[in-house]
Amino acid sequence: MTIYSRILGTGSYLPEKVVSNQDLERMVDTSDAWIRDRTGIAERRIAADDEFTLDLAEKAARNALDAAGVDPQELDLIVVATTTPDRVFPSTACLLQSRLGAKGCAAFDVQAVCTGFVYALGVADQFVRSGTAKKALVLGAETFSRIIDWTDRNTCVLFGDGSGAVVLGASEEPGVMSTHLHADGDYADYLHVPTGVSTARAVLEEGRAYVEMNGPGVFRMAVSTLGRIADETLEHNHIDKSELDWLVPHQANIRIIQATAKKLDLPMDRVIVTVDKHGNTSAASIPLALDTAVRDGRIKRGDLFMIEGFGGGFTWGSALIRY
C-alpha cells in the first residue's frame, strides 16, 4: 500500500502592528504609488518589541492543529522553516515543541529563506511517505523586520512578519503529490545578509547586518526559474496546466506572481494573492496565503493546487497538492 501525506488543517498568524506605505513615505524617499505599482504591497505587519518568531509560530501552529483536530501529543514531527530564529540554538522547532507540549517527537528547523516552507513540506512529506511519521506539523515563521535596514528604501518596503502552518497526516489518498527542490549558491550575493555566527564580529564592524539585495537580478532569476519549475512539476505528474484549480505562490512581488500565472495560463482570480496585506513574509508567505484561501472558502477539499517559492541562496521549489 502506498502512503501519502495529506493536509489535515491549516493555520496562520499576523502581528497586530500595521505599517502602511504612507508610514514608509515618512521614513524613506518612496511613495505609496511606487510601492503598489512595483510590488503590489499596501501594508505589512511588524512584530511587537516583545513578540518573537517562536510566539508567531505558536499561534499559527495552534490554529492549524485546531483546524486539523489533532492534539499536539499526536505529532511525530515538527519542521519549522525560518530565517529569523530566536536563538542560535536550540532550534525554533524544539522551543515550539516545548510550548505545545508535544514531547518526544523529532523537531528541527530548515533554512531556505523564502523557499523555506516548500523545503520543510518536502522533508516532512518524505517522513510521512516512508512511514517514519504519521502526523507532522510544518511551519514557516519569520520576524523578518529584525534583519531589515529601515533606511534602505530598496528593501524596507518589501518585507514583513508573520507565520503559517499546516498539519500533515498519513493517507491512502494522494495529498502532496510531489515536491521539487533546487538551489544554486553561485548567486548568493544577489540576496543575502552578509553576517552570521562565525563572521559576525568582522561584518558588524562594517555595519552590514541587514538584508542586501540586487533587485533587478533577483526579479529576472525568479521569473525564469519559477516558470521552469512549474513546467517540471506538471510534467512529473503527467498533468496539463488546465487541470490546476489554484496557484498559491510565494508572496514577494505582484509582478512575479503575474508572470508565473501567465506562464500557466491561469487567470488572476485563480491565483491566491495576499502580498498586498502583509508584504514578503519569507518562509511564512505560502502557508499564510494557503490558510487565507482555505478559510475564506476558495480552496475546497478535492481542489488541485501548486505552491512555489524562490528565495535567497538562490533556492527554489514547488509542490503539487490535492487538498
Protein backbone atom coordinates (compact mmCIF):
# COMPACT_ATOMS: atom_id res chain seq x y z
CA MET A 1 0.00 0.00 0.00
CA THR A 2 1.32 3.43 -0.98
CA ILE A 3 1.31 6.03 1.78
CA TYR A 4 0.88 9.72 1.04
CA SER A 5 0.86 12.82 3.20
CA ARG A 6 -2.29 14.90 3.17
CA ILE A 7 -3.05 18.32 4.62
CA LEU A 8 -5.37 17.89 7.60
CA GLY A 9 -5.54 21.55 8.64
CA THR A 10 -4.04 24.99 8.07
CA GLY A 11 -3.35 27.98 10.29
CA SER A 12 -1.69 31.39 10.23
CA TYR A 13 -0.98 34.46 12.31
CA LEU A 14 -0.10 38.09 11.62
CA PRO A 15 1.13 40.58 14.24
CA GLU A 16 -1.23 43.41 15.12
CA LYS A 17 1.04 46.33 14.18
CA VAL A 18 0.40 47.59 10.63
CA VAL A 19 2.97 49.66 8.73
CA SER A 20 1.37 51.21 5.66
CA ASN A 21 3.01 52.62 2.57
CA GLN A 22 2.08 56.07 3.85
CA ASP A 23 4.03 55.32 7.02
CA LEU A 24 7.08 54.46 4.92
CA GLU A 25 6.74 57.71 2.96
CA ARG A 26 7.61 59.47 6.20
CA MET A 27 10.65 57.26 6.77
CA VAL A 28 12.38 56.96 3.38
CA ASP A 29 12.24 58.50 -0.10
CA THR A 30 9.39 56.45 -1.57
CA SER A 31 5.69 56.73 -2.34
CA ASP A 32 2.55 54.65 -1.98
CA ALA A 33 2.03 54.72 -5.76
CA TRP A 34 5.57 53.49 -6.49
CA ILE A 35 5.36 50.64 -3.95
CA ARG A 36 1.94 49.49 -5.17
CA ASP A 37 2.95 49.64 -8.83
CA ARG A 38 6.27 47.81 -8.42
CA THR A 39 5.34 45.28 -5.72
CA GLY A 40 1.57 45.20 -5.15
CA ILE A 41 2.13 45.78 -1.42
CA ALA A 42 -0.13 48.17 0.51
CA GLU A 43 0.89 47.32 4.07
CA ARG A 44 2.96 44.92 6.12
CA ARG A 45 2.75 43.60 9.69
CA ILE A 46 5.55 44.11 12.20
CA ALA A 47 6.03 42.08 15.37
CA ALA A 48 5.84 43.94 18.68
CA ASP A 49 9.06 44.52 20.60
CA ASP A 50 8.19 41.68 22.98
CA GLU A 51 6.95 39.35 20.21
CA PHE A 52 9.35 36.85 18.65
CA THR A 53 9.46 34.18 15.96
CA LEU A 54 8.50 31.49 18.47
CA ASP A 55 5.41 33.47 19.51
CA LEU A 56 4.27 33.84 15.91
CA ALA A 57 4.95 30.16 15.21
CA GLU A 58 2.97 29.00 18.24
CA LYS A 59 -0.15 30.94 17.24
CA ALA A 60 -0.12 29.61 13.66
CA ALA A 61 0.60 26.09 14.94
CA ARG A 62 -2.31 26.09 17.38
CA ASN A 63 -4.67 27.39 14.67
CA ALA A 64 -3.56 24.59 12.30
CA LEU A 65 -3.80 21.90 14.99
CA ASP A 66 -7.30 23.07 15.93
CA ALA A 67 -8.38 23.03 12.28
CA ALA A 68 -6.96 19.52 11.86
CA GLY A 69 -8.47 18.22 15.11
CA VAL A 70 -5.03 16.98 16.14
CA ASP A 71 -3.65 17.06 19.68
CA PRO A 72 0.00 18.20 19.90
CA GLN A 73 0.87 14.93 21.64
CA GLU A 74 -0.13 13.07 18.47
CA LEU A 75 2.66 14.73 16.48
CA ASP A 76 5.61 12.65 15.30
CA LEU A 77 7.49 15.53 13.66
CA ILE A 78 7.79 19.33 13.77
CA VAL A 79 9.64 21.16 10.99
CA VAL A 80 9.96 24.95 11.17
CA ALA A 81 11.18 26.96 8.20
CA THR A 82 12.69 30.23 9.37
CA THR A 83 15.45 32.67 8.51
CA THR A 84 14.98 34.53 11.77
CA PRO A 85 15.22 32.05 14.66
CA ASP A 86 15.10 33.45 18.18
CA ARG A 87 18.31 31.69 19.18
CA VAL A 88 21.43 30.23 17.61
CA PHE A 89 20.27 27.04 19.29
CA PRO A 90 18.12 25.26 20.26
CA SER A 91 16.02 25.36 17.12
CA THR A 92 12.74 27.22 16.96
CA ALA A 93 11.11 23.81 16.38
CA CYS A 94 12.42 22.49 19.71
CA LEU A 95 11.23 25.61 21.52
CA LEU A 96 7.86 25.27 19.82
CA GLN A 97 7.66 21.62 20.79
CA SER A 98 8.00 22.63 24.43
CA ARG A 99 5.34 25.35 24.09
CA LEU A 100 2.90 22.89 22.53
CA GLY A 101 3.65 20.02 24.92
CA ALA A 102 4.48 17.69 22.03
CA LYS A 103 7.26 15.93 23.89
CA GLY A 104 9.42 13.28 22.26
CA CYS A 105 8.79 13.85 18.56
CA ALA A 106 11.55 14.89 16.17
CA ALA A 107 11.85 18.68 15.83
CA PHE A 108 14.23 20.78 13.73
CA ASP A 109 14.49 23.94 11.64
CA VAL A 110 15.02 24.31 7.89
CA GLN A 111 16.69 27.37 6.35
CA ALA A 112 15.95 28.13 2.69
CA VAL A 113 14.69 31.71 3.14
CA CYS A 114 11.59 32.40 1.00
CA THR A 115 11.50 28.81 -0.28
CA GLY A 116 11.75 27.54 3.29
CA PHE A 117 8.17 26.33 3.64
CA VAL A 118 8.39 24.33 0.41
CA TYR A 119 11.62 22.74 1.64
CA ALA A 120 10.07 21.97 5.05
CA LEU A 121 6.99 20.47 3.40
CA GLY A 122 9.20 18.36 1.14
CA VAL A 123 11.13 17.00 4.11
CA ALA A 124 8.01 16.26 6.16
CA ASP A 125 6.33 14.63 3.16
CA GLN A 126 9.22 12.16 2.89
CA PHE A 127 8.96 11.33 6.59
CA VAL A 128 5.27 10.52 6.17
CA ARG A 129 5.69 8.60 2.91
CA SER A 130 8.40 6.45 4.47
CA GLY A 131 6.20 5.59 7.44
CA THR A 132 8.54 7.32 9.89
CA ALA A 133 5.86 9.86 10.85
CA LYS A 134 2.07 9.67 10.80
CA LYS A 135 1.36 13.27 11.75
CA ALA A 136 3.65 16.24 11.12
CA LEU A 137 3.45 19.95 11.84
CA VAL A 138 5.10 22.10 9.16
CA LEU A 139 5.54 25.84 9.63
CA GLY A 140 7.02 28.97 8.13
CA ALA A 141 7.59 31.70 10.73
CA GLU A 142 9.51 34.95 10.42
CA THR A 143 10.29 38.18 12.21
CA PHE A 144 11.97 39.45 9.06
CA SER A 145 11.68 43.06 10.16
CA ARG A 146 14.55 42.40 12.57
CA ILE A 147 17.04 41.99 9.68
CA ILE A 148 15.81 44.95 7.61
CA ASP A 149 17.60 48.28 7.34
CA TRP A 150 14.69 50.69 7.70
CA THR A 151 16.70 53.45 6.00
CA ASP A 152 17.12 51.37 2.82
CA ARG A 153 14.17 52.14 0.56
CA ASN A 154 15.03 49.22 -1.75
CA THR A 155 14.34 46.60 0.92
CA CYS A 156 12.30 48.09 3.76
CA VAL A 157 9.20 48.44 1.57
CA LEU A 158 9.15 44.74 0.74
CA PHE A 159 9.20 42.68 3.92
CA GLY A 160 7.04 41.94 6.94
CA ASP A 161 6.49 39.46 9.77
CA GLY A 162 4.08 36.54 10.03
CA SER A 163 3.64 32.79 10.32
CA GLY A 164 1.72 29.98 8.66
CA ALA A 165 1.36 26.25 9.28
CA VAL A 166 -0.11 23.01 8.02
CA VAL A 167 -0.67 19.67 9.72
CA LEU A 168 0.11 16.65 7.55
CA GLY A 169 -1.31 13.20 8.13
CA ALA A 170 -0.67 9.81 6.55
CA SER A 171 -3.29 8.85 3.98
CA GLU A 172 -4.03 6.22 1.34
CA GLU A 173 -5.32 9.03 -0.89
CA PRO A 174 -2.81 11.35 -2.63
CA GLY A 175 -2.46 14.74 -0.97
CA VAL A 176 1.06 16.04 -1.51
CA MET A 177 1.58 14.52 -4.95
CA SER A 178 5.19 15.65 -5.45
CA THR A 179 7.74 18.18 -4.23
CA HIS A 180 10.62 19.66 -6.22
CA LEU A 181 13.56 21.37 -4.51
CA HIS A 182 16.54 23.17 -6.08
CA ALA A 183 19.34 25.61 -5.23
CA ASP A 184 22.24 27.45 -6.85
CA GLY A 185 24.73 29.01 -4.44
CA ASP A 186 26.54 30.85 -7.24
CA TYR A 187 24.00 33.65 -6.79
CA ALA A 188 24.42 34.01 -3.03
CA ASP A 189 25.33 37.70 -3.16
CA TYR A 190 22.20 38.68 -5.11
CA LEU A 191 20.08 38.41 -1.96
CA HIS A 192 21.73 37.88 1.40
CA VAL A 193 22.54 39.05 4.91
CA PRO A 194 26.35 39.24 4.96
CA THR A 195 26.79 38.17 8.55
CA GLY A 196 26.42 35.05 10.64
CA VAL A 197 27.70 33.40 13.77
CA SER A 198 31.30 32.90 12.67
CA THR A 199 31.62 36.15 10.70
CA ALA A 200 29.59 38.43 12.95
CA ARG A 201 32.44 40.37 14.54
CA ALA A 202 34.08 41.44 11.30
CA VAL A 203 30.89 42.21 9.41
CA LEU A 204 29.14 44.02 12.24
CA GLU A 205 32.06 46.42 12.44
CA GLU A 206 31.15 47.43 8.87
CA GLY A 207 27.51 47.91 9.86
CA ARG A 208 26.29 45.25 7.43
CA ALA A 209 23.87 43.17 9.47
CA TYR A 210 20.81 43.54 7.26
CA VAL A 211 19.31 42.22 4.04
CA GLU A 212 21.15 43.31 0.90
CA MET A 213 19.53 42.74 -2.48
CA ASN A 214 20.21 43.11 -6.20
CA GLY A 215 16.58 43.78 -7.04
CA PRO A 216 16.68 43.55 -10.88
CA GLY A 217 18.83 40.41 -10.74
CA VAL A 218 16.52 38.69 -8.27
CA PHE A 219 13.47 39.61 -10.35
CA ARG A 220 14.89 38.20 -13.58
CA MET A 221 16.00 34.95 -11.95
CA ALA A 222 12.73 34.50 -10.06
CA VAL A 223 10.55 34.87 -13.14
CA SER A 224 12.58 32.49 -15.31
CA THR A 225 13.16 29.92 -12.56
CA LEU A 226 9.56 29.78 -11.35
CA GLY A 227 8.39 29.27 -14.91
CA ARG A 228 10.73 26.31 -15.32
CA ILE A 229 9.77 24.66 -12.06
CA ALA A 230 6.08 24.99 -12.89
CA ASP A 231 6.76 23.00 -16.07
CA GLU A 232 8.83 20.45 -14.13
CA THR A 233 6.02 19.91 -11.62
CA LEU A 234 3.33 19.42 -14.26
CA GLU A 235 5.48 17.11 -16.38
CA HIS A 236 6.44 14.98 -13.37
CA ASN A 237 2.77 14.39 -12.58
CA HIS A 238 1.69 13.98 -16.21
CA ILE A 239 -0.97 16.65 -15.98
CA ASP A 240 -1.84 19.66 -18.10
CA LYS A 241 -1.79 23.15 -16.64
CA SER A 242 -5.53 23.40 -17.41
CA GLU A 243 -6.13 20.83 -14.64
CA LEU A 244 -4.86 23.18 -11.93
CA ASP A 245 -7.54 24.79 -9.81
CA TRP A 246 -5.27 27.21 -7.99
CA LEU A 247 -1.77 28.64 -7.81
CA VAL A 248 -0.54 29.52 -4.30
CA PRO A 249 2.76 31.32 -4.93
CA HIS A 250 5.31 32.86 -2.63
CA GLN A 251 4.04 36.35 -1.87
CA ALA A 252 7.00 38.51 -2.80
CA ASN A 253 6.03 40.74 -5.69
CA ILE A 254 2.81 41.02 -7.69
CA ARG A 255 4.72 41.24 -10.97
CA ILE A 256 6.49 37.93 -10.34
CA ILE A 257 3.16 36.35 -9.38
CA GLN A 258 1.50 37.68 -12.54
CA ALA A 259 4.34 36.40 -14.74
CA THR A 260 4.03 32.90 -13.27
CA ALA A 261 0.26 32.90 -13.66
CA LYS A 262 0.65 33.90 -17.31
CA LYS A 263 3.06 31.01 -17.83
CA LEU A 264 0.37 28.64 -16.50
CA ASP A 265 -2.47 30.35 -18.42
CA LEU A 266 -4.20 30.92 -15.10
CA PRO A 267 -6.44 33.98 -14.70
CA MET A 268 -5.56 36.02 -11.63
CA ASP A 269 -8.86 35.08 -9.99
CA ARG A 270 -7.43 31.55 -9.66
CA VAL A 271 -4.22 32.80 -8.06
CA ILE A 272 -4.11 33.34 -4.30
CA VAL A 273 -2.71 36.82 -3.67
CA THR A 274 -2.21 38.18 -0.16
CA VAL A 275 1.02 40.14 -0.66
CA ASP A 276 -0.92 43.42 -0.52
CA LYS A 277 -1.86 42.74 3.10
CA HIS A 278 1.44 41.57 4.60
CA GLY A 279 4.30 42.05 2.12
CA ASN A 280 7.00 39.44 1.73
CA THR A 281 7.00 37.33 4.90
CA SER A 282 9.67 34.97 3.53
CA ALA A 283 9.08 31.36 4.66
CA ALA A 284 5.69 32.29 6.11
CA SER A 285 4.13 33.68 2.94
CA ILE A 286 2.95 30.48 1.22
CA PRO A 287 1.23 28.94 4.27
CA LEU A 288 -0.25 32.36 5.09
CA ALA A 289 -1.78 32.59 1.62
CA LEU A 290 -2.93 28.97 1.74
CA ASP A 291 -4.64 29.37 5.10
CA THR A 292 -6.36 32.55 3.92
CA ALA A 293 -7.78 30.78 0.85
CA VAL A 294 -8.86 27.71 2.82
CA ARG A 295 -10.62 29.73 5.48
CA ASP A 296 -12.43 32.06 3.05
CA GLY A 297 -13.69 29.05 1.11
CA ARG A 298 -11.85 29.48 -2.16
CA ILE A 299 -9.75 26.32 -1.79
CA LYS A 300 -12.00 23.35 -1.09
CA ARG A 301 -11.44 19.65 -0.46
CA GLY A 302 -10.51 17.94 -3.70
CA ASP A 303 -9.03 21.04 -5.33
CA LEU A 304 -5.65 20.69 -7.06
CA PHE A 305 -3.12 23.46 -6.48
CA MET A 306 0.54 24.23 -6.90
CA ILE A 307 2.73 26.05 -4.40
CA GLU A 308 6.06 27.54 -5.43
CA GLY A 309 8.74 29.70 -3.94
CA PHE A 310 12.01 31.44 -4.77
CA GLY A 311 14.47 32.80 -2.23
CA GLY A 312 18.00 33.77 -1.30
CA GLY A 313 20.63 31.19 -1.96
CA PHE A 314 19.25 31.03 -4.59
CA THR A 315 16.73 28.39 -3.59
CA TRP A 316 13.52 27.48 -5.37
CA GLY A 317 10.91 24.78 -5.08
CA SER A 318 7.36 23.67 -5.74
CA ALA A 319 4.76 21.12 -4.71
CA LEU A 320 1.63 19.81 -6.35
CA ILE A 321 -1.10 19.19 -3.78
CA ARG A 322 -4.61 17.77 -3.78
CA TYR A 323 -6.34 19.41 -0.86
